[in-house]
Amino acid sequence: MTAYLIVHSREQRKDDAVIQDDNLALTIQGSWAVLSDGDGVCLAIPSGQGASIQRIDDIPEGRTEGG
């Protein structure tokens, strides 16, 4: 299962989150990081927010991170 850890900067005072789904994909659209699945957008984070996004699942052998 594809999973991403979203860590917000201390100044944002927001909780960190793990987003996971079998069909989850991370794309960059303009200045936004967009996590989406087969049903559409799950979460969109603007680049100016200072969040860090890290993939935390194991990538299957023979598959690249983007697809």
Protein backbone atom coordinates (compact mmCIF):
# COMPACT_ATOMS: atom_id res chain seq x y z
CA MET A 1 0.00 0.00 0.00
CA THR A 2 1.37 3.41 -0.95
CA ALA A 3 1.84 5.69 2.06
CA TYR A 4 3.16 9.21 2.62
CA LEU A 5 4.12 10.97 5.85
CA ILE A 6 3.27 14.69 5.91
CA VAL A 7 5.25 16.67 8.51
CA HIS A 8 4.25 20.30 9.04
CA SER A 9 6.67 23.00 10.19
CA ARG A 10 6.53 23.90 13.88
CA GLU A 11 5.21 27.35 13.01
CA GLN A 12 2.12 25.79 11.41
CA ARG A 13 1.15 24.03 14.67
CA LYS A 14 -0.62 21.29 12.74
CA ASP A 15 -0.61 17.57 13.41
CA ASP A 16 1.57 15.39 11.22
CA ALA A 17 -0.35 12.85 9.16
CA VAL A 18 0.05 9.57 7.32
CA ILE A 19 -1.97 9.24 4.11
CA GLN A 20 -2.22 5.76 2.57
CA ASP A 21 -4.19 4.05 -0.17
CA ASP A 22 -3.58 1.31 -2.71
CA ASN A 23 -3.98 3.79 -5.59
CA LEU A 24 -2.38 6.88 -4.00
CA ALA A 25 -0.29 9.13 -6.23
CA LEU A 26 1.69 12.30 -5.48
CA THR A 27 1.89 14.93 -8.20
CA ILE A 28 3.12 18.52 -8.31
CA GLN A 29 0.59 20.90 -9.86
CA GLY A 30 1.91 24.44 -10.04
CA SER A 31 2.98 25.29 -6.48
CA TRP A 32 0.86 22.54 -4.90
CA ALA A 33 1.70 18.97 -3.83
CA VAL A 34 -1.42 16.93 -4.60
CA LEU A 35 -2.17 13.46 -3.25
CA SER A 36 -4.93 11.69 -5.16
CA ASP A 37 -6.43 8.25 -5.65
CA GLY A 38 -8.95 6.72 -8.05
CA ASP A 39 -11.74 8.86 -6.59
CA GLY A 40 -9.90 12.18 -6.95
CA VAL A 41 -7.90 14.55 -4.78
CA CYS A 42 -7.35 13.43 -1.18
CA LEU A 43 -5.11 16.25 0.02
CA ALA A 44 -3.46 19.31 -1.53
CA ILE A 45 -0.69 21.24 0.23
CA PRO A 46 0.67 24.60 -1.00
CA SER A 47 4.46 24.83 -1.27
CA GLY A 48 4.55 27.94 0.92
CA GLN A 49 3.18 26.00 3.89
CA GLY A 50 6.58 24.48 4.62
CA ALA A 51 5.40 20.88 4.93
CA SER A 52 7.65 17.93 4.22
CA ILE A 53 6.26 14.92 2.33
CA GLN A 54 8.06 11.58 2.52
CA ARG A 55 7.07 8.26 1.02
CA ILE A 56 7.20 5.67 3.79
CA ASP A 57 6.07 2.40 2.19
CA ASP A 58 8.26 -0.08 0.36
CA ILE A 59 8.33 0.52 -3.39
CA PRO A 60 7.74 -2.79 -5.22
CA GLU A 61 10.77 -4.03 -7.18
CA GLY A 62 10.67 -2.94 -10.82
CA ARG A 63 8.41 0.02 -10.10
CA THR A 64 9.54 3.64 -9.91
CA GLU A 65 8.24 5.99 -7.24
CA GLY A 66 6.15 7.96 -9.73
CA GLY A 67 4.29 5.06 -11.26
